[in-house]
Amino acid sequence: MKILAILYKGGNAATSEPRLLGTVENQVSESKEGPDSDFQKHIVDAEILITTPFHPGYLTGDLIAKAKNLKLCVTAGVLEVSGSNVVSVAEHVVMSILLLVRNFVPAHEMIERGDWMVSDIARNAFDLEGKVVGTIGAGRIGYRVLQRLLPFDCKELLYYDYAPLPEAAGKAVNARRVEDLKDFVSQCDVVTVNCPLHEGTLGLVNAELLKHFKKGAWLVNTARGAICDKDAVAAALASGHLNGYAGDVWNVQPAPKDHVLRTAKNTLGGGNGMVPHYSGTTLDAQARYASGTKSIIENYLSGKAQEPQNIIVGIGKYESKAYGQR
């Protein structure tokens, strides 16, 4: 049996920190690009494939056609360790909201430069209290974001989702559902994207939808980069229609050095909270998803049924609504 794991190169950090379980230094291969890569050479007879969304090996239709022996694909959106990093991502969302609203990044950069001009920072710094915050998607991550926002005394918490929250869950976070997306974004001071990427959400936040955002709103995306049109977001920042954009997901990963969202700024030269894709891969999360991956493979080898919540794509069909309504 061949098990193929395509992970990423962690460099010195991985050699000094053995808990970085998603890296090749502590596991296997990062060679994933081109016909001569380990990914393409070994996929033809691999029975199990393991890869991560943080620096992914993309399993395309062409590669699936070559993978004549592939029986199990352990990765986000197929057979995954559901829930292993939902707390990690939800915490990152709240952090990103705060660093945008409080104008944190320009303030820190000012200190690094050796400058001290409080007014340059304070002119675009606000409190989260009294703001309307909404999540596109109120599933495992979106709901936890709403839970973590409760202590901030926001004016209102909103959510947009194809399905309403159970009554008790909605009351617990005091969140109101808005069924029309344009109406939803028009009410929000902060919009956070916490929905899956599929054909219905690809390019969901585009130039047309951004027109309906409040002028000066903040946008956070830790879901998938391609949900937000990168050029439309950059243009909205440059025009001042958006005051900030933060997240850790990119339409291509790793992001090219000239990716527009690496350097996009608002009209005051701030508003960029973009980082590499790491929100869901804290050391705590890595321990959870490594343990879950081991359990999935053990279940497969022993013929034991997989846990239902981990199965996103089964044999020829979607097994879960976690990745949207179909």
Protein backbone atom coordinates (compact mmCIF):
# COMPACT_ATOMS: atom_id res chain seq x y z
CA MET A 1 0.00 0.00 0.00
CA LYS A 2 1.25 3.49 -0.87
CA ILE A 3 0.29 6.48 1.26
CA LEU A 4 1.17 9.85 -0.32
CA ALA A 5 1.36 12.91 1.93
CA ILE A 6 1.92 16.30 0.26
CA LEU A 7 2.69 18.90 2.90
CA TYR A 8 4.89 22.02 2.96
CA LYS A 9 8.47 22.96 3.75
CA GLY A 10 8.75 24.50 7.20
CA GLY A 11 12.44 25.44 7.14
CA ASN A 12 14.31 26.23 10.34
CA ALA A 13 11.08 26.70 12.28
CA ALA A 14 10.09 23.10 11.61
CA THR A 15 13.46 21.61 12.49
CA SER A 16 13.39 23.42 15.82
CA GLU A 17 9.70 22.80 16.60
CA PRO A 18 8.63 19.14 16.23
CA ARG A 19 4.99 20.06 16.91
CA LEU A 20 4.80 21.57 13.40
CA LEU A 21 3.22 18.34 12.19
CA GLY A 22 2.09 19.68 8.80
CA THR A 23 5.62 20.17 7.47
CA VAL A 24 7.88 17.93 5.41
CA GLU A 25 10.69 18.17 7.97
CA ASN A 26 8.47 16.37 10.45
CA GLN A 27 6.66 14.23 7.89
CA VAL A 28 7.18 13.62 4.13
CA SER A 29 7.14 15.49 0.75
CA GLU A 30 6.52 19.06 -0.46
CA SER A 31 7.18 18.33 -4.15
CA LYS A 32 3.84 19.06 -5.75
CA GLU A 33 4.29 21.25 -8.85
CA GLY A 34 4.80 19.96 -12.37
CA PRO A 35 4.90 16.56 -14.07
CA ASP A 36 8.14 15.53 -12.34
CA SER A 37 6.90 16.32 -8.82
CA ASP A 38 6.48 13.63 -6.18
CA PHE A 39 2.77 14.44 -6.21
CA GLN A 40 2.28 13.60 -9.88
CA LYS A 41 4.72 10.69 -9.93
CA HIS A 42 3.23 8.90 -6.93
CA ILE A 43 -0.46 9.75 -7.34
CA VAL A 44 -0.71 7.18 -10.14
CA ASP A 45 -0.48 4.25 -7.71
CA ALA A 46 -1.16 5.81 -4.31
CA GLU A 47 -4.02 4.31 -2.33
CA ILE A 48 -4.26 7.13 0.24
CA LEU A 49 -3.55 10.83 -0.32
CA ILE A 50 -3.05 13.30 2.53
CA THR A 51 -2.70 17.04 1.92
CA THR A 52 -3.59 20.26 3.70
CA PRO A 53 -5.29 23.51 2.61
CA PHE A 54 -2.46 25.67 3.97
CA HIS A 55 0.01 24.90 1.17
CA PRO A 56 -2.07 22.45 -0.83
CA GLY A 57 -1.45 19.84 -3.42
CA TYR A 58 -4.42 20.45 -5.72
CA LEU A 59 -6.14 17.19 -6.68
CA THR A 60 -7.54 18.18 -10.07
CA GLY A 61 -9.75 16.17 -12.40
CA ASP A 62 -6.74 15.29 -14.54
CA LEU A 63 -4.87 13.91 -11.56
CA ILE A 64 -7.89 11.95 -10.35
CA ALA A 65 -8.06 10.33 -13.79
CA LYS A 66 -4.44 9.19 -13.37
CA ALA A 67 -4.99 7.97 -9.81
CA LYS A 68 -6.25 4.51 -10.70
CA ASN A 69 -5.59 3.08 -7.25
CA LEU A 70 -6.74 6.01 -5.10
CA LYS A 71 -9.27 4.95 -2.47
CA LEU A 72 -8.99 7.63 0.20
CA CYS A 73 -8.31 11.38 0.04
CA VAL A 74 -7.77 13.03 3.42
CA THR A 75 -7.99 16.79 2.89
CA ALA A 76 -10.33 19.69 3.56
CA GLY A 77 -13.54 19.36 1.60
CA VAL A 78 -13.28 15.61 0.89
CA LEU A 79 -12.58 13.50 3.97
CA GLU A 80 -11.50 15.87 6.69
CA VAL A 81 -10.98 16.13 10.43
CA SER A 82 -14.07 18.27 10.89
CA GLY A 83 -13.94 20.71 13.76
CA SER A 84 -10.21 20.29 14.37
CA ASN A 85 -9.42 23.96 13.79
CA VAL A 86 -12.74 25.80 14.15
CA VAL A 87 -11.73 27.47 17.42
CA SER A 88 -8.36 28.47 15.95
CA VAL A 89 -9.98 30.15 12.93
CA ALA A 90 -12.74 31.81 14.95
CA GLU A 91 -10.15 33.37 17.25
CA HIS A 92 -8.21 34.61 14.22
CA VAL A 93 -11.36 36.21 12.81
CA VAL A 94 -11.98 38.18 16.00
CA MET A 95 -8.32 39.20 16.12
CA SER A 96 -8.51 40.39 12.49
CA ILE A 97 -11.66 42.40 13.14
CA LEU A 98 -10.00 44.13 16.08
CA LEU A 99 -6.74 44.91 14.29
CA LEU A 100 -8.69 46.55 11.45
CA VAL A 101 -11.18 48.47 13.56
CA ARG A 102 -8.47 49.66 15.99
CA ASN A 103 -6.06 50.53 13.12
CA PHE A 104 -3.43 48.35 14.76
CA VAL A 105 -1.10 47.52 11.86
CA PRO A 106 -0.23 51.13 10.91
CA ALA A 107 0.29 51.89 14.61
CA HIS A 108 2.77 49.03 14.98
CA GLU A 109 4.54 49.96 11.73
CA MET A 110 4.90 53.51 13.05
CA ILE A 111 6.67 52.21 16.16
CA GLU A 112 8.99 50.05 14.05
CA ARG A 113 9.92 53.12 11.98
CA GLY A 114 10.80 55.02 15.14
CA ASP A 115 7.98 57.53 14.65
CA TRP A 116 5.35 58.78 17.11
CA MET A 117 2.34 60.63 15.74
CA VAL A 118 -0.73 59.49 17.66
CA SER A 119 -3.14 61.58 15.59
CA ASP A 120 -2.16 59.77 12.38
CA ILE A 121 -3.39 56.52 13.94
CA ALA A 122 -6.28 57.77 16.06
CA ARG A 123 -7.99 59.45 13.08
CA ASN A 124 -8.92 56.00 11.76
CA ALA A 125 -9.24 53.99 14.99
CA PHE A 126 -12.66 52.97 16.33
CA ASP A 127 -14.30 50.86 19.02
CA LEU A 128 -15.96 47.57 18.14
CA GLU A 129 -18.67 48.32 20.68
CA GLY A 130 -21.72 49.78 18.99
CA LYS A 131 -20.87 48.38 15.55
CA VAL A 132 -22.98 46.01 13.45
CA VAL A 133 -21.02 42.85 12.67
CA GLY A 134 -22.23 40.17 10.29
CA THR A 135 -20.98 36.77 9.18
CA ILE A 136 -21.52 35.24 5.77
CA GLY A 137 -21.99 31.68 6.95
CA ALA A 138 -23.02 30.64 10.45
CA GLY A 139 -21.68 27.11 10.57
CA ARG A 140 -19.01 25.70 12.86
CA ILE A 141 -16.69 28.71 12.47
CA GLY A 142 -19.19 31.50 11.81
CA TYR A 143 -21.23 30.56 14.87
CA ARG A 144 -18.14 30.53 17.09
CA VAL A 145 -17.26 33.99 15.79
CA LEU A 146 -20.70 35.21 16.88
CA GLN A 147 -20.18 33.63 20.29
CA ARG A 148 -16.84 35.38 20.73
CA LEU A 149 -18.25 38.76 19.68
CA LEU A 150 -20.95 38.78 22.38
CA PRO A 151 -18.77 40.38 25.11
CA PHE A 152 -17.91 43.33 22.84
CA ASP A 153 -21.44 44.78 23.07
CA CYS A 154 -21.83 45.22 19.35
CA LYS A 155 -24.91 47.14 18.25
CA GLU A 156 -26.15 44.02 16.48
CA LEU A 157 -24.89 40.64 15.27
CA LEU A 158 -26.20 39.48 11.90
CA TYR A 159 -25.75 36.35 9.81
CA TYR A 160 -26.43 35.37 6.21
CA ASP A 161 -26.84 31.65 5.61
CA TYR A 162 -28.97 29.40 3.41
CA ALA A 163 -30.40 27.84 6.57
CA PRO A 164 -31.51 29.57 9.77
CA LEU A 165 -29.80 28.71 13.03
CA PRO A 166 -31.82 26.52 15.40
CA GLU A 167 -33.95 28.82 17.53
CA ALA A 168 -32.02 28.18 20.74
CA ALA A 169 -28.65 28.68 19.01
CA GLY A 170 -29.78 31.96 17.46
CA LYS A 171 -31.03 33.26 20.79
CA ALA A 172 -27.82 32.23 22.53
CA VAL A 173 -25.80 34.63 20.37
CA ASN A 174 -28.62 37.15 19.90
CA ALA A 175 -28.05 37.10 16.14
CA ARG A 176 -30.53 38.10 13.44
CA ARG A 177 -30.66 36.35 10.09
CA VAL A 178 -30.81 38.48 6.93
CA GLU A 179 -31.93 36.48 3.90
CA ASP A 180 -30.85 38.86 1.12
CA LEU A 181 -27.06 39.23 0.75
CA LYS A 182 -27.08 42.80 -0.55
CA ASP A 183 -29.41 43.84 2.26
CA PHE A 184 -27.15 42.02 4.71
CA VAL A 185 -23.90 43.75 3.73
CA SER A 186 -25.60 47.16 3.57
CA GLN A 187 -26.34 46.93 7.30
CA CYS A 188 -22.88 45.82 8.47
CA ASP A 189 -19.94 47.86 9.68
CA VAL A 190 -17.89 44.65 9.65
CA VAL A 191 -18.44 41.67 7.35
CA THR A 192 -16.63 38.39 8.01
CA VAL A 193 -16.65 35.56 5.47
CA ASN A 194 -17.04 32.11 7.05
CA CYS A 195 -18.63 30.04 4.29
CA PRO A 196 -17.16 27.25 2.14
CA LEU A 197 -15.88 27.72 -1.38
CA HIS A 198 -17.99 26.02 -4.03
CA GLU A 199 -19.61 26.98 -7.33
CA GLY A 200 -22.19 29.11 -5.52
CA THR A 201 -19.67 31.18 -3.53
CA LEU A 202 -16.83 31.57 -6.06
CA GLY A 203 -16.41 35.33 -6.50
CA LEU A 204 -19.33 35.97 -4.17
CA VAL A 205 -17.83 39.21 -2.84
CA ASN A 206 -17.30 41.01 -6.13
CA ALA A 207 -17.44 44.58 -7.41
CA GLU A 208 -21.22 44.52 -7.63
CA LEU A 209 -21.73 43.29 -4.06
CA LEU A 210 -19.09 45.68 -2.71
CA LYS A 211 -21.19 48.60 -4.00
CA HIS A 212 -23.79 47.64 -1.38
CA PHE A 213 -21.32 47.67 1.53
CA LYS A 214 -21.42 50.64 3.87
CA LYS A 215 -18.79 53.19 2.92
CA GLY A 216 -15.87 52.63 5.26
CA ALA A 217 -16.81 49.06 6.19
CA TRP A 218 -14.23 46.44 7.10
CA LEU A 219 -14.07 42.99 5.48
CA VAL A 220 -12.43 39.85 6.91
CA ASN A 221 -12.00 36.61 4.98
CA THR A 222 -10.52 33.49 6.58
CA ALA A 223 -12.66 31.08 4.55
CA ARG A 224 -11.21 30.76 1.03
CA GLY A 225 -9.47 33.43 -1.01
CA ALA A 226 -11.48 32.92 -4.19
CA ILE A 227 -14.73 33.85 -2.42
CA CYS A 228 -13.59 37.48 -2.62
CA ASP A 229 -12.56 39.04 -5.94
CA LYS A 230 -9.03 40.22 -5.17
CA ASP A 231 -9.02 43.06 -7.69
CA ALA A 232 -12.44 44.32 -6.62
CA VAL A 233 -11.33 44.30 -2.98
CA ALA A 234 -8.12 46.18 -3.78
CA ALA A 235 -10.08 48.77 -5.80
CA ALA A 236 -12.61 49.22 -2.98
CA LEU A 237 -9.75 49.85 -0.55
CA ALA A 238 -8.03 52.32 -2.86
CA SER A 239 -11.27 54.26 -3.38
CA GLY A 240 -12.06 54.39 0.34
CA HIS A 241 -15.26 52.39 0.01
CA LEU A 242 -13.64 49.69 2.15
CA ASN A 243 -11.63 50.83 5.16
CA GLY A 244 -9.83 47.54 5.58
CA TYR A 245 -9.42 43.95 4.45
CA ALA A 246 -7.85 41.19 6.52
CA GLY A 247 -7.50 37.45 6.35
CA ASP A 248 -5.14 34.61 5.65
CA VAL A 249 -6.59 32.98 2.54
CA TRP A 250 -5.56 33.68 -1.04
CA ASN A 251 -6.96 32.65 -4.41
CA VAL A 252 -3.60 30.98 -5.12
CA GLN A 253 -1.38 29.61 -2.36
CA PRO A 254 1.39 30.45 -1.81
CA ALA A 255 0.40 33.92 -2.98
CA PRO A 256 2.67 35.31 -5.74
CA LYS A 257 5.02 38.05 -4.57
CA ASP A 258 3.16 40.57 -6.72
CA HIS A 259 -0.32 39.56 -5.50
CA VAL A 260 -2.39 42.72 -5.25
CA LEU A 261 -3.61 41.94 -1.72
CA ARG A 262 -0.08 41.80 -0.32
CA THR A 263 0.19 45.59 -0.61
CA ALA A 264 -3.37 46.90 -1.08
CA LYS A 265 -4.07 49.88 1.18
CA ASN A 266 -6.93 52.21 2.05
CA THR A 267 -6.78 55.94 1.33
CA LEU A 268 -4.77 56.56 4.51
CA GLY A 269 -2.15 53.95 3.72
CA GLY A 270 -3.45 51.31 6.12
CA GLY A 271 -6.27 48.79 6.25
CA ASN A 272 -4.28 45.69 5.26
CA GLY A 273 -4.37 42.78 7.70
CA MET A 274 -3.34 40.01 5.31
CA VAL A 275 -1.09 37.16 6.52
CA PRO A 276 -0.10 33.70 5.24
CA HIS A 277 -2.70 30.96 5.59
CA TYR A 278 -2.13 29.96 9.20
CA SER A 279 -5.31 30.74 11.15
CA GLY A 280 -6.30 27.08 11.31
CA THR A 281 -2.86 25.60 11.79
CA THR A 282 -1.84 26.63 15.28
CA LEU A 283 0.15 24.04 17.19
CA ASP A 284 -3.01 23.15 19.10
CA ALA A 285 -4.96 22.66 15.86
CA GLN A 286 -2.15 20.60 14.31
CA ALA A 287 -2.25 18.19 17.22
CA ARG A 288 -6.00 17.76 16.71
CA TYR A 289 -5.93 17.23 12.97
CA ALA A 290 -2.89 14.93 13.09
CA SER A 291 -4.71 12.76 15.61
CA GLY A 292 -7.85 12.86 13.47
CA THR A 293 -5.95 11.92 10.31
CA LYS A 294 -4.44 8.94 12.11
CA SER A 295 -7.92 7.88 13.20
CA ILE A 296 -9.29 8.20 9.64
CA ILE A 297 -6.54 5.99 8.23
CA GLU A 298 -6.92 3.45 11.03
CA ASN A 299 -10.66 3.30 10.31
CA TYR A 300 -9.93 2.69 6.62
CA LEU A 301 -7.37 -0.03 7.28
CA SER A 302 -9.60 -1.83 9.77
CA GLY A 303 -12.79 -1.49 7.71
CA LYS A 304 -14.45 0.63 10.37
CA ALA A 305 -16.93 3.31 9.29
CA GLN A 306 -15.66 6.87 9.24
CA GLU A 307 -17.26 9.43 11.54
CA PRO A 308 -20.15 10.94 9.52
CA GLN A 309 -19.21 14.56 10.21
CA ASN A 310 -15.81 13.99 8.58
CA ILE A 311 -17.21 12.82 5.23
CA ILE A 312 -17.80 15.72 2.85
CA VAL A 313 -17.57 13.86 -0.48
CA GLY A 314 -18.51 10.20 -0.57
CA ILE A 315 -18.85 7.85 -3.50
CA GLY A 316 -20.05 10.06 -6.35
CA LYS A 317 -21.97 12.52 -4.18
CA TYR A 318 -21.82 15.05 -1.39
CA GLU A 319 -22.50 13.52 2.00
CA SER A 320 -22.65 16.77 3.97
CA LYS A 321 -24.29 20.17 3.77
CA ALA A 322 -21.33 21.66 5.63
CA TYR A 323 -20.00 22.93 2.30
CA GLY A 324 -23.24 24.56 1.23
CA GLN A 325 -26.63 23.67 -0.12
CA ARG A 326 -26.83 21.67 -3.35
